């Protein structure tokens, strides 16, 4: 099976799965972003996405308890927060981030003393 054919099959499968729970969520919930409260209707409804609260796209209970409607921007922000939290946890677990090597004011005290003595 060629890569492009496999990509098409996977993309179709993803679209079918997403359209199923998205369709249900749009029937279940008012068309507002759960974060910024922006209202969506008509063509703009395509900017409203379904966010999985537990970040598991396979967890789609029929009561919609794992879903919330978010606009594209808030949805991206939510996922970026998850990425940020992941890296913060790694740093707290002992992995150090980049070390600071430049100290812009390191010689300031010496310069001030030199100026005072002149």
PDB file of N, CA and C in Angstrom:
ATOM      1  N   UNK A   1       0.862  -1.178   0.000  1.00  0.00           N
ATOM      2  CA  UNK A   1       0.000   0.000   0.000  1.00  0.00           C
ATOM      3  C   UNK A   1       0.902   1.233   0.000  1.00  0.00           C
ATOM      4  N   UNK A   2       0.625   2.155  -0.891  1.00  0.00           N
ATOM      5  CA  UNK A   2       1.461   3.357  -0.986  1.00  0.00           C
ATOM      6  C   UNK A   2       1.180   4.295   0.185  1.00  0.00           C
ATOM      7  N   UNK A   3       2.160   5.144   0.457  1.00  0.00           N
ATOM      8  CA  UNK A   3       2.040   6.088   1.572  1.00  0.00           C
ATOM      9  C   UNK A   3       0.883   7.053   1.360  1.00  0.00           C
ATOM     10  N   UNK A   4       0.719   7.549   0.128  1.00  0.00           N
ATOM     11  CA  UNK A   4      -0.352   8.507  -0.124  1.00  0.00           C
ATOM     12  C   UNK A   4      -1.728   7.866   0.064  1.00  0.00           C
ATOM     13  N   UNK A   5      -1.859   6.587  -0.324  1.00  0.00           N
ATOM     14  CA  UNK A   5      -3.142   5.902  -0.143  1.00  0.00           C
ATOM     15  C   UNK A   5      -3.432   5.714   1.345  1.00  0.00           C
ATOM     16  N   UNK A   6      -2.404   5.346   2.108  1.00  0.00           N
ATOM     17  CA  UNK A   6      -2.552   5.183   3.553  1.00  0.00           C
ATOM     18  C   UNK A   6      -2.913   6.513   4.217  1.00  0.00           C
ATOM     19  N   UNK A   7      -2.256   7.585   3.781  1.00  0.00           N
ATOM     20  CA  UNK A   7      -2.562   8.921   4.313  1.00  0.00           C
ATOM     21  C   UNK A   7      -4.013   9.298   4.059  1.00  0.00           C
ATOM     22  N   UNK A   8      -4.511   8.975   2.872  1.00  0.00           N
ATOM     23  CA  UNK A   8      -5.905   9.284   2.529  1.00  0.00           C
ATOM     24  C   UNK A   8      -6.871   8.505   3.412  1.00  0.00           C
ATOM     25  N   UNK A   9      -6.554   7.231   3.639  1.00  0.00           N
ATOM     26  CA  UNK A   9      -7.419   6.383   4.473  1.00  0.00           C
ATOM     27  C   UNK A   9      -7.444   6.905   5.911  1.00  0.00           C
ATOM     28  N   UNK A  10      -6.269   7.226   6.438  1.00  0.00           N
ATOM     29  CA  UNK A  10      -6.196   7.750   7.808  1.00  0.00           C
ATOM     30  C   UNK A  10      -6.916   9.088   7.936  1.00  0.00           C
ATOM     31  N   UNK A  11      -6.742   9.963   6.954  1.00  0.00           N
ATOM     32  CA  UNK A  11      -7.406  11.273   6.986  1.00  0.00           C
ATOM     33  C   UNK A  11      -8.922  11.100   6.926  1.00  0.00           C
ATOM     34  N   UNK A  12      -9.392  10.179   6.088  1.00  0.00           N
ATOM     35  CA  UNK A  12     -10.829   9.937   5.988  1.00  0.00           C
ATOM     36  C   UNK A  12     -11.378   9.372   7.296  1.00  0.00           C
ATOM     37  N   UNK A  13     -10.642   8.446   7.892  1.00  0.00           N
ATOM     38  CA  UNK A  13     -11.059   7.859   9.162  1.00  0.00           C
ATOM     39  C   UNK A  13     -11.154   8.928  10.245  1.00  0.00           C
ATOM     40  N   UNK A  14     -10.136   9.797  10.304  1.00  0.00           N
ATOM     41  CA  UNK A  14     -10.130  10.876  11.293  1.00  0.00           C
ATOM     42  C   UNK A  14     -11.307  11.817  11.068  1.00  0.00           C
ATOM     43  N   UNK A  15     -11.573  12.178   9.810  1.00  0.00           N
ATOM     44  CA  UNK A  15     -12.677  13.096   9.514  1.00  0.00           C
ATOM     45  C   UNK A  15     -14.017  12.486   9.884  1.00  0.00           C
ATOM     46  N   UNK A  16     -14.184  11.198   9.618  1.00  0.00           N
ATOM     47  CA  UNK A  16     -15.441  10.534   9.965  1.00  0.00           C
ATOM     48  C   UNK A  16     -15.649  10.499  11.470  1.00  0.00           C
ATOM     49  N   UNK A  17     -14.592  10.145  12.201  1.00  0.00           N
ATOM     50  CA  UNK A  17     -14.695  10.081  13.664  1.00  0.00           C
ATOM     51  C   UNK A  17     -14.983  11.466  14.236  1.00  0.00           C
ATOM     52  N   UNK A  18     -14.232  12.469  13.747  1.00  0.00           N
ATOM     53  CA  UNK A  18     -14.410  13.828  14.259  1.00  0.00           C
ATOM     54  C   UNK A  18     -15.794  14.361  13.923  1.00  0.00           C
ATOM     55  N   UNK A  19     -16.253  14.150  12.703  1.00  0.00           N
ATOM     56  CA  UNK A  19     -17.554  14.690  12.320  1.00  0.00           C
ATOM     57  C   UNK A  19     -18.670  14.059  13.142  1.00  0.00           C
ATOM     58  N   UNK A  20     -18.497  12.817  13.580  1.00  0.00           N
ATOM     59  CA  UNK A  20     -19.512  12.157  14.400  1.00  0.00           C
ATOM     60  C   UNK A  20     -19.680  12.842  15.741  1.00  0.00           C
ATOM     61  N   UNK A  21     -18.608  12.979  16.509  1.00  0.00           N
ATOM     62  CA  UNK A  21     -18.749  13.607  17.824  1.00  0.00           C
ATOM     63  C   UNK A  21     -18.930  15.115  17.718  1.00  0.00           C
ATOM     64  N   UNK A  22     -18.389  15.749  16.687  1.00  0.00           N
ATOM     65  CA  UNK A  22     -18.585  17.186  16.504  1.00  0.00           C
ATOM     66  C   UNK A  22     -20.067  17.481  16.238  1.00  0.00           C
ATOM     67  N   UNK A  23     -20.657  16.670  15.377  1.00  0.00           N
ATOM     68  CA  UNK A  23     -22.077  16.835  15.062  1.00  0.00           C
ATOM     69  C   UNK A  23     -22.928  16.699  16.329  1.00  0.00           C
ATOM     70  N   UNK A  24     -22.609  15.699  17.147  1.00  0.00           N
ATOM     71  CA  UNK A  24     -23.344  15.500  18.401  1.00  0.00           C
ATOM     72  C   UNK A  24     -23.134  16.667  19.360  1.00  0.00           C
ATOM     73  N   UNK A  25     -21.891  17.124  19.474  1.00  0.00           N
ATOM     74  CA  UNK A  25     -21.578  18.217  20.401  1.00  0.00           C
ATOM     75  C   UNK A  25     -22.280  19.506  19.979  1.00  0.00           C
ATOM     76  N   UNK A  26     -22.346  19.764  18.676  1.00  0.00           N
ATOM     77  CA  UNK A  26     -23.012  20.982  18.196  1.00  0.00           C
ATOM     78  C   UNK A  26     -24.515  20.927  18.442  1.00  0.00           C
ATOM     79  N   UNK A  27     -25.091  19.733  18.460  1.00  0.00           N
ATOM     80  CA  UNK A  27     -26.512  19.591  18.785  1.00  0.00           C
ATOM     81  C   UNK A  27     -26.748  19.746  20.284  1.00  0.00           C
ATOM     82  N   UNK A  28     -25.766  19.323  21.068  1.00  0.00           N
ATOM     83  CA  UNK A  28     -25.897  19.259  22.522  1.00  0.00           C
ATOM     84  C   UNK A  28     -25.666  20.600  23.217  1.00  0.00           C
ATOM     85  N   UNK A  29     -24.702  21.361  22.728  1.00  0.00           N
ATOM     86  CA  UNK A  29     -24.256  22.569  23.422  1.00  0.00           C
ATOM     87  C   UNK A  29     -24.586  23.834  22.628  1.00  0.00           C
ATOM     88  N   UNK A  30     -24.772  24.946  23.337  1.00  0.00           N
ATOM     89  CA  UNK A  30     -24.964  26.221  22.623  1.00  0.00           C
ATOM     90  C   UNK A  30     -23.687  26.581  21.866  1.00  0.00           C
ATOM     91  N   UNK A  31     -23.820  27.309  20.809  1.00  0.00           N
ATOM     92  CA  UNK A  31     -22.695  27.607  19.916  1.00  0.00           C
ATOM     93  C   UNK A  31     -21.867  28.793  20.409  1.00  0.00           C
ATOM     94  N   UNK A  32     -21.277  28.607  21.574  1.00  0.00           N
ATOM     95  CA  UNK A  32     -20.399  29.588  22.203  1.00  0.00           C
ATOM     96  C   UNK A  32     -19.069  28.916  22.524  1.00  0.00           C
ATOM     97  N   UNK A  33     -17.989  29.700  22.483  1.00  0.00           N
ATOM     98  CA  UNK A  33     -16.701  29.188  22.925  1.00  0.00           C
ATOM     99  C   UNK A  33     -16.728  29.096  24.448  1.00  0.00           C
ATOM    100  N   UNK A  34     -16.306  27.971  24.972  1.00  0.00           N
ATOM    101  CA  UNK A  34     -16.301  27.747  26.414  1.00  0.00           C
ATOM    102  C   UNK A  34     -15.288  28.598  27.168  1.00  0.00           C
ATOM    103  N   UNK A  35     -14.352  29.241  26.471  1.00  0.00           N
ATOM    104  CA  UNK A  35     -13.346  30.080  27.123  1.00  0.00           C
ATOM    105  C   UNK A  35     -13.628  31.573  26.942  1.00  0.00           C
ATOM    106  N   UNK A  36     -13.728  32.011  25.692  1.00  0.00           N
ATOM    107  CA  UNK A  36     -13.856  33.455  25.435  1.00  0.00           C
ATOM    108  C   UNK A  36     -15.307  33.897  25.269  1.00  0.00           C
ATOM    109  N   UNK A  37     -16.241  32.963  25.257  1.00  0.00           N
ATOM    110  CA  UNK A  37     -17.682  33.214  25.175  1.00  0.00           C
ATOM    111  C   UNK A  37     -18.131  33.831  23.856  1.00  0.00           C
ATOM    112  N   UNK A  38     -17.287  33.764  22.834  1.00  0.00           N
ATOM    113  CA  UNK A  38     -17.677  34.274  21.515  1.00  0.00           C
ATOM    114  C   UNK A  38     -18.764  33.371  20.937  1.00  0.00           C
ATOM    115  N   UNK A  39     -19.755  33.978  20.301  1.00  0.00           N
ATOM    116  CA  UNK A  39     -20.864  33.225  19.724  1.00  0.00           C
ATOM    117  C   UNK A  39     -20.580  32.923  18.259  1.00  0.00           C
ATOM    118  N   UNK A  40     -20.987  31.752  17.800  1.00  0.00           N
ATOM    119  CA  UNK A  40     -20.748  31.329  16.427  1.00  0.00           C
ATOM    120  C   UNK A  40     -22.051  30.933  15.762  1.00  0.00           C
ATOM    121  N   UNK A  41     -22.166  31.285  14.476  1.00  0.00           N
ATOM    122  CA  UNK A  41     -23.333  30.883  13.696  1.00  0.00           C
ATOM    123  C   UNK A  41     -22.960  30.933  12.217  1.00  0.00           C
ATOM    124  N   UNK A  42     -23.792  30.342  11.388  1.00  0.00           N
ATOM    125  CA  UNK A  42     -23.577  30.357   9.941  1.00  0.00           C
ATOM    126  C   UNK A  42     -22.226  29.789   9.542  1.00  0.00           C
ATOM    127  N   UNK A  43     -21.543  30.492   8.624  1.00  0.00           N
ATOM    128  CA  UNK A  43     -20.232  30.044   8.145  1.00  0.00           C
ATOM    129  C   UNK A  43     -19.188  30.053   9.255  1.00  0.00           C
ATOM    130  N   UNK A  44     -19.345  30.942  10.217  1.00  0.00           N
ATOM    131  CA  UNK A  44     -18.402  31.036  11.329  1.00  0.00           C
ATOM    132  C   UNK A  44     -18.418  29.824  12.238  1.00  0.00           C
ATOM    133  N   UNK A  45     -19.452  29.005  12.128  1.00  0.00           N
ATOM    134  CA  UNK A  45     -19.564  27.804  12.959  1.00  0.00           C
ATOM    135  C   UNK A  45     -18.400  26.836  12.713  1.00  0.00           C
ATOM    136  N   UNK A  46     -17.791  26.940  11.548  1.00  0.00           N
ATOM    137  CA  UNK A  46     -16.649  26.064  11.249  1.00  0.00           C
ATOM    138  C   UNK A  46     -15.445  26.386  12.129  1.00  0.00           C
ATOM    139  N   UNK A  47     -15.423  27.561  12.753  1.00  0.00           N
ATOM    140  CA  UNK A  47     -14.322  27.947  13.641  1.00  0.00           C
ATOM    141  C   UNK A  47     -14.515  27.433  15.072  1.00  0.00           C
ATOM    142  N   UNK A  48     -15.629  26.787  15.315  1.00  0.00           N
ATOM    143  CA  UNK A  48     -15.909  26.231  16.638  1.00  0.00           C
ATOM    144  C   UNK A  48     -15.518  24.754  16.635  1.00  0.00           C
ATOM    145  N   UNK A  49     -14.642  24.373  17.536  1.00  0.00           N
ATOM    146  CA  UNK A  49     -14.108  23.017  17.559  1.00  0.00           C
ATOM    147  C   UNK A  49     -14.537  22.297  18.835  1.00  0.00           C
ATOM    148  N   UNK A  50     -14.385  20.982  18.821  1.00  0.00           N
ATOM    149  CA  UNK A  50     -14.683  20.169  19.999  1.00  0.00           C
ATOM    150  C   UNK A  50     -13.367  19.845  20.693  1.00  0.00           C
ATOM    151  N   UNK A  51     -13.266  20.239  21.936  1.00  0.00           N
ATOM    152  CA  UNK A  51     -12.085  19.950  22.746  1.00  0.00           C
ATOM    153  C   UNK A  51     -12.413  18.808  23.693  1.00  0.00           C
ATOM    154  N   UNK A  52     -11.519  17.829  23.764  1.00  0.00           N
ATOM    155  CA  UNK A  52     -11.671  16.724  24.710  1.00  0.00           C
ATOM    156  C   UNK A  52     -11.019  17.136  26.023  1.00  0.00           C
ATOM    157  N   UNK A  53     -11.793  17.233  27.042  1.00  0.00           N
ATOM    158  CA  UNK A  53     -11.300  17.722  28.339  1.00  0.00           C
ATOM    159  C   UNK A  53     -10.143  16.886  28.879  1.00  0.00           C
ATOM    160  N   UNK A  54     -10.185  15.578  28.660  1.00  0.00           N
ATOM    161  CA  UNK A  54      -9.103  14.728  29.163  1.00  0.00           C
ATOM    162  C   UNK A  54      -8.021  14.490  28.098  1.00  0.00           C
ATOM    163  N   UNK A  55      -8.132  15.163  26.971  1.00  0.00           N
ATOM    164  CA  UNK A  55      -7.180  15.093  25.858  1.00  0.00           C
ATOM    165  C   UNK A  55      -7.117  13.715  25.209  1.00  0.00           C
ATOM    166  N   UNK A  56      -8.126  12.882  25.430  1.00  0.00           N
ATOM    167  CA  UNK A  56      -8.197  11.561  24.819  1.00  0.00           C
ATOM    168  C   UNK A  56      -9.286  11.592  23.750  1.00  0.00           C
ATOM    169  N   UNK A  57      -8.886  11.613  22.503  1.00  0.00           N
ATOM    170  CA  UNK A  57      -9.853  11.730  21.403  1.00  0.00           C
ATOM    171  C   UNK A  57     -10.679  10.464  21.199  1.00  0.00           C
ATOM    172  N   UNK A  58     -10.310   9.399  21.860  1.00  0.00           N
ATOM    173  CA  UNK A  58     -11.100   8.173  21.777  1.00  0.00           C
ATOM    174  C   UNK A  58     -12.149   8.088  22.885  1.00  0.00           C
ATOM    175  N   UNK A  59     -12.105   9.002  23.836  1.00  0.00           N
ATOM    176  CA  UNK A  59     -13.069   9.021  24.934  1.00  0.00           C
ATOM    177  C   UNK A  59     -14.222   9.943  24.542  1.00  0.00           C
ATOM    178  N   UNK A  60     -15.260   9.358  23.975  1.00  0.00           N
ATOM    179  CA  UNK A  60     -16.404  10.120  23.478  1.00  0.00           C
ATOM    180  C   UNK A  60     -17.704   9.597  24.059  1.00  0.00           C
ATOM    181  N   UNK A  61     -17.943   9.825  25.360  1.00  0.00           N
ATOM    182  CA  UNK A  61     -19.192   9.339  25.956  1.00  0.00           C
ATOM    183  C   UNK A  61     -20.408  10.012  25.307  1.00  0.00           C
ATOM    184  N   UNK A  62     -21.481   9.266  25.216  1.00  0.00           N
ATOM    185  CA  UNK A  62     -22.672   9.770  24.527  1.00  0.00           C
ATOM    186  C   UNK A  62     -23.297  10.978  25.216  1.00  0.00           C
ATOM    187  N   UNK A  63     -23.009  11.165  26.521  1.00  0.00           N
ATOM    188  CA  UNK A  63     -23.566  12.335  27.213  1.00  0.00           C
ATOM    189  C   UNK A  63     -22.730  13.603  26.983  1.00  0.00           C
ATOM    190  N   UNK A  64     -21.613  13.481  26.266  1.00  0.00           N
ATOM    191  CA  UNK A  64     -20.791  14.644  25.949  1.00  0.00           C
ATOM    192  C   UNK A  64     -19.985  15.195  27.114  1.00  0.00           C
ATOM    193  N   UNK A  65     -19.851  14.435  28.169  1.00  0.00           N
ATOM    194  CA  UNK A  65     -19.196  14.942  29.375  1.00  0.00           C
ATOM    195  C   UNK A  65     -17.691  15.186  29.193  1.00  0.00           C
ATOM    196  N   UNK A  66     -17.092  14.648  28.136  1.00  0.00           N
ATOM    197  CA  UNK A  66     -15.670  14.869  27.889  1.00  0.00           C
ATOM    198  C   UNK A  66     -15.428  15.944  26.826  1.00  0.00           C
ATOM    199  N   UNK A  67     -16.468  16.608  26.385  1.00  0.00           N
ATOM    200  CA  UNK A  67     -16.353  17.591  25.319  1.00  0.00           C
ATOM    201  C   UNK A  67     -16.631  18.991  25.825  1.00  0.00           C
ATOM    202  N   UNK A  68     -16.010  19.949  25.164  1.00  0.00           N
ATOM    203  CA  UNK A  68     -16.425  21.343  25.299  1.00  0.00           C
ATOM    204  C   UNK A  68     -16.139  22.024  23.985  1.00  0.00           C
ATOM    205  N   UNK A  69     -16.983  22.951  23.630  1.00  0.00           N
ATOM    206  CA  UNK A  69     -16.799  23.683  22.386  1.00  0.00           C
ATOM    207  C   UNK A  69     -15.868  24.859  22.633  1.00  0.00           C
ATOM    208  N   UNK A  70     -14.815  24.951  21.807  1.00  0.00           N
ATOM    209  CA  UNK A  70     -13.852  26.043  21.897  1.00  0.00           C
ATOM    210  C   UNK A  70     -13.602  26.591  20.499  1.00  0.00           C
ATOM    211  N   UNK A  71     -13.376  27.894  20.412  1.00  0.00           N
ATOM    212  CA  UNK A  71     -13.010  28.467  19.123  1.00  0.00           C
ATOM    213  C   UNK A  71     -11.590  27.994  18.778  1.00  0.00           C
ATOM    214  N   UNK A  72     -11.204  28.176  17.542  1.00  0.00           N
ATOM    215  CA  UNK A  72      -9.881  27.718  17.096  1.00  0.00           C
ATOM    216  C   UNK A  72      -8.761  28.268  17.966  1.00  0.00           C
ATOM    217  N   UNK A  73      -8.868  29.547  18.310  1.00  0.00           N
ATOM    218  CA  UNK A  73      -7.802  30.210  19.062  1.00  0.00           C
ATOM    219  C   UNK A  73      -7.704  29.680  20.493  1.00  0.00           C
ATOM    220  N   UNK A  74      -8.832  29.563  21.156  1.00  0.00           N
ATOM    221  CA  UNK A  74      -8.822  29.061  22.527  1.00  0.00           C
ATOM    222  C   UNK A  74      -8.424  27.586  22.565  1.00  0.00           C
ATOM    223  N   UNK A  75      -8.807  26.829  21.530  1.00  0.00           N
ATOM    224  CA  UNK A  75      -8.443  25.419  21.456  1.00  0.00           C
ATOM    225  C   UNK A  75      -6.923  25.276  21.319  1.00  0.00           C
ATOM    226  N   UNK A  76      -6.339  26.070  20.434  1.00  0.00           N
ATOM    227  CA  UNK A  76      -4.875  26.052  20.296  1.00  0.00           C
ATOM    228  C   UNK A  76      -4.198  26.446  21.597  1.00  0.00           C
ATOM    229  N   UNK A  77      -4.740  27.467  22.250  1.00  0.00           N
ATOM    230  CA  UNK A  77      -4.173  27.930  23.512  1.00  0.00           C
ATOM    231  C   UNK A  77      -4.234  26.834  24.570  1.00  0.00           C
ATOM    232  N   UNK A  78      -5.337  26.124  24.634  1.00  0.00           N
ATOM    233  CA  UNK A  78      -5.492  25.047  25.618  1.00  0.00           C
ATOM    234  C   UNK A  78      -4.448  23.962  25.405  1.00  0.00           C
ATOM    235  N   UNK A  79      -4.232  23.584  24.150  1.00  0.00           N
ATOM    236  CA  UNK A  79      -3.238  22.551  23.878  1.00  0.00           C
ATOM    237  C   UNK A  79      -1.820  23.057  24.130  1.00  0.00           C
ATOM    238  N   UNK A  80      -1.559  24.324  23.872  1.00  0.00           N
ATOM    239  CA  UNK A  80      -0.236  24.878  24.162  1.00  0.00           C
ATOM    240  C   UNK A  80       0.018  24.896  25.668  1.00  0.00           C
ATOM    241  N   UNK A  81      -1.018  25.160  26.445  1.00  0.00           N
ATOM    242  CA  UNK A  81      -0.872  25.120  27.911  1.00  0.00           C
ATOM    243  C   UNK A  81      -0.479  23.724  28.365  1.00  0.00           C
ATOM    244  N   UNK A  82      -1.035  22.696  27.735  1.00  0.00           N
ATOM    245  CA  UNK A  82      -0.680  21.321  28.075  1.00  0.00           C
ATOM    246  C   UNK A  82       0.789  21.055  27.765  1.00  0.00           C
ATOM    247  N   UNK A  83       1.255  21.544  26.627  1.00  0.00           N
ATOM    248  CA  UNK A  83       2.661  21.370  26.249  1.00  0.00           C
ATOM    249  C   UNK A  83       3.552  22.083  27.255  1.00  0.00           C
ATOM    250  N   UNK A  84       3.190  23.303  27.616  1.00  0.00           N
ATOM    251  CA  UNK A  84       3.972  24.070  28.581  1.00  0.00           C
ATOM    252  C   UNK A  84       4.040  23.351  29.927  1.00  0.00           C
ATOM    253  N   UNK A  85       2.914  22.817  30.393  1.00  0.00           N
ATOM    254  CA  UNK A  85       2.894  22.097  31.665  1.00  0.00           C
ATOM    255  C   UNK A  85       3.787  20.866  31.610  1.00  0.00           C
ATOM    256  N   UNK A  86       3.801  20.206  30.466  1.00  0.00           N
ATOM    257  CA  UNK A  86       4.652  19.021  30.297  1.00  0.00           C
ATOM    258  C   UNK A  86       6.123  19.387  30.492  1.00  0.00           C
ATOM    259  N   UNK A  87       6.556  20.491  29.865  1.00  0.00           N
ATOM    260  CA  UNK A  87       7.952  20.894  29.985  1.00  0.00           C
ATOM    261  C   UNK A  87       8.279  21.419  31.382  1.00  0.00           C
ATOM    262  N   UNK A  88       7.327  22.063  32.024  1.00  0.00           N
ATOM    263  CA  UNK A  88       7.552  22.524  33.394  1.00  0.00           C
ATOM    264  C   UNK A  88       7.759  21.334  34.326  1.00  0.00           C
ATOM    265  N   UNK A  89       6.992  20.287  34.135  1.00  0.00           N
ATOM    266  CA  UNK A  89       7.134  19.088  34.965  1.00  0.00           C
ATOM    267  C   UNK A  89       8.499  18.453  34.751  1.00  0.00           C
ATOM    268  N   UNK A  90       8.968  18.435  33.510  1.00  0.00           N
ATOM    269  CA  UNK A  90      10.291  17.872  33.229  1.00  0.00           C
ATOM    270  C   UNK A  90      11.379  18.671  33.944  1.00  0.00           C
ATOM    271  N   UNK A  91      11.261  19.989  33.908  1.00  0.00           N
ATOM    272  CA  UNK A  91      12.259  20.835  34.564  1.00  0.00           C
ATOM    273  C   UNK A  91      12.237  20.636  36.076  1.00  0.00           C
ATOM    274  N   UNK A  92      11.049  20.495  36.636  1.00  0.00           N
ATOM    275  CA  UNK A  92      10.934  20.291  38.080  1.00  0.00           C
ATOM    276  C   UNK A  92      11.454  18.919  38.488  1.00  0.00           C
ATOM    277  N   UNK A  93      11.451  17.980  37.552  1.00  0.00           N
ATOM    278  CA  UNK A  93      11.930  16.631  37.853  1.00  0.00           C
ATOM    279  C   UNK A  93      13.447  16.537  37.783  1.00  0.00           C
ATOM    280  N   UNK A  94      14.119  17.654  37.575  1.00  0.00           N
ATOM    281  CA  UNK A  94      15.576  17.636  37.597  1.00  0.00           C
ATOM    282  C   UNK A  94      16.236  17.933  36.276  1.00  0.00           C
ATOM    283  N   UNK A  95      15.462  17.983  35.204  1.00  0.00           N
ATOM    284  CA  UNK A  95      16.053  18.335  33.927  1.00  0.00           C
ATOM    285  C   UNK A  95      16.142  19.847  33.844  1.00  0.00           C
ATOM    286  N   UNK A  96      17.341  20.322  33.661  1.00  0.00           N
ATOM    287  CA  UNK A  96      17.542  21.767  33.635  1.00  0.00           C
ATOM    288  C   UNK A  96      17.286  22.317  32.249  1.00  0.00           C
ATOM    289  N   UNK A  97      16.767  23.517  32.202  1.00  0.00           N
ATOM    290  CA  UNK A  97      16.578  24.227  30.948  1.00  0.00           C
ATOM    291  C   UNK A  97      17.880  24.885  30.542  1.00  0.00           C
ATOM    292  N   UNK A  98      17.833  25.769  29.579  1.00  0.00           N
ATOM    293  CA  UNK A  98      19.056  26.439  29.141  1.00  0.00           C
ATOM    294  C   UNK A  98      19.666  27.267  30.272  1.00  0.00           C
ATOM    295  N   UNK A  99      20.974  27.223  30.372  1.00  0.00           N
ATOM    296  CA  UNK A  99      21.679  27.957  31.419  1.00  0.00           C
ATOM    297  C   UNK A  99      21.902  29.400  30.984  1.00  0.00           C
ATOM    298  N   UNK A 100      21.762  30.313  31.910  1.00  0.00           N
ATOM    299  CA  UNK A 100      22.019  31.719  31.628  1.00  0.00           C
ATOM    300  C   UNK A 100      23.525  31.941  31.675  1.00  0.00           C
ATOM    301  N   UNK A 101      24.076  32.499  30.592  1.00  0.00           N
ATOM    302  CA  UNK A 101      25.526  32.713  30.531  1.00  0.00           C
ATOM    303  C   UNK A 101      25.877  34.181  30.463  1.00  0.00           C
ATOM    304  N   UNK A 102      24.975  35.030  30.012  1.00  0.00           N
ATOM    305  CA  UNK A 102      25.256  36.447  29.874  1.00  0.00           C
ATOM    306  C   UNK A 102      24.641  37.207  31.036  1.00  0.00           C
ATOM    307  N   UNK A 103      25.420  38.046  31.660  1.00  0.00           N
ATOM    308  CA  UNK A 103      24.923  38.879  32.755  1.00  0.00           C
ATOM    309  C   UNK A 103      25.197  40.323  32.373  1.00  0.00           C
ATOM    310  N   UNK A 104      24.168  40.986  31.900  1.00  0.00           N
ATOM    311  CA  UNK A 104      24.290  42.336  31.343  1.00  0.00           C
ATOM    312  C   UNK A 104      24.809  43.370  32.315  1.00  0.00           C
ATOM    313  N   UNK A 105      24.548  43.248  33.596  1.00  0.00           N
ATOM    314  CA  UNK A 105      24.946  44.257  34.583  1.00  0.00           C
ATOM    315  C   UNK A 105      26.087  43.766  35.469  1.00  0.00           C
ATOM    316  N   UNK A 106      26.809  42.764  35.013  1.00  0.00           N
ATOM    317  CA  UNK A 106      27.840  42.161  35.849  1.00  0.00           C
ATOM    318  C   UNK A 106      28.918  43.151  36.280  1.00  0.00           C
ATOM    319  N   UNK A 107      29.351  44.050  35.426  1.00  0.00           N
ATOM    320  CA  UNK A 107      30.429  44.970  35.766  1.00  0.00           C
ATOM    321  C   UNK A 107      29.953  46.344  36.188  1.00  0.00           C
ATOM    322  N   UNK A 108      28.671  46.498  36.456  1.00  0.00           N
ATOM    323  CA  UNK A 108      28.115  47.812  36.776  1.00  0.00           C
ATOM    324  C   UNK A 108      28.703  48.400  38.057  1.00  0.00           C
ATOM    325  N   UNK A 109      28.840  47.627  39.092  1.00  0.00           N
ATOM    326  CA  UNK A 109      29.375  48.139  40.362  1.00  0.00           C
ATOM    327  C   UNK A 109      30.784  48.678  40.167  1.00  0.00           C
ATOM    328  N   UNK A 110      31.608  47.976  39.426  1.00  0.00           N
ATOM    329  CA  UNK A 110      32.971  48.448  39.166  1.00  0.00           C
ATOM    330  C   UNK A 110      32.958  49.745  38.371  1.00  0.00           C
ATOM    331  N   UNK A 111      32.096  49.855  37.390  1.00  0.00           N
ATOM    332  CA  UNK A 111      32.007  51.078  36.589  1.00  0.00           C
ATOM    333  C   UNK A 111      31.565  52.267  37.439  1.00  0.00           C
ATOM    334  N   UNK A 112      30.591  52.043  38.324  1.00  0.00           N
ATOM    335  CA  UNK A 112      30.121  53.121  39.186  1.00  0.00           C
ATOM    336  C   UNK A 112      31.218  53.577  40.160  1.00  0.00           C
ATOM    337  N   UNK A 113      31.952  52.641  40.713  1.00  0.00           N
ATOM    338  CA  UNK A 113      33.066  53.000  41.606  1.00  0.00           C
ATOM    339  C   UNK A 113      34.122  53.799  40.860  1.00  0.00           C
ATOM    340  N   UNK A 114      34.383  53.377  39.633  1.00  0.00           N
ATOM    341  CA  UNK A 114      35.388  54.054  38.821  1.00  0.00           C
ATOM    342  C   UNK A 114      34.952  55.493  38.515  1.00  0.00           C
ATOM    343  N   UNK A 115      33.642  55.653  38.218  1.00  0.00           N
ATOM    344  CA  UNK A 115      33.117  56.986  37.910  1.00  0.00           C
ATOM    345  C   UNK A 115      33.177  57.885  39.152  1.00  0.00           C
ATOM    346  N   UNK A 116      32.864  57.349  40.315  1.00  0.00           N
ATOM    347  CA  UNK A 116      32.877  58.125  41.553  1.00  0.00           C
ATOM    348  C   UNK A 116      34.284  58.603  41.882  1.00  0.00           C
ATOM    349  N   UNK A 117      35.255  57.776  41.579  1.00  0.00           N
ATOM    350  CA  UNK A 117      36.629  58.149  41.924  1.00  0.00           C
ATOM    351  C   UNK A 117      37.197  59.166  40.951  1.00  0.00           C
ATOM    352  N   UNK A 118      36.617  59.352  39.814  1.00  0.00           N
ATOM    353  CA  UNK A 118      37.136  60.317  38.836  1.00  0.00           C
ATOM    354  C   UNK A 118      36.730  61.716  39.132  1.00  0.00           C
TER     355      UNK A 118
END
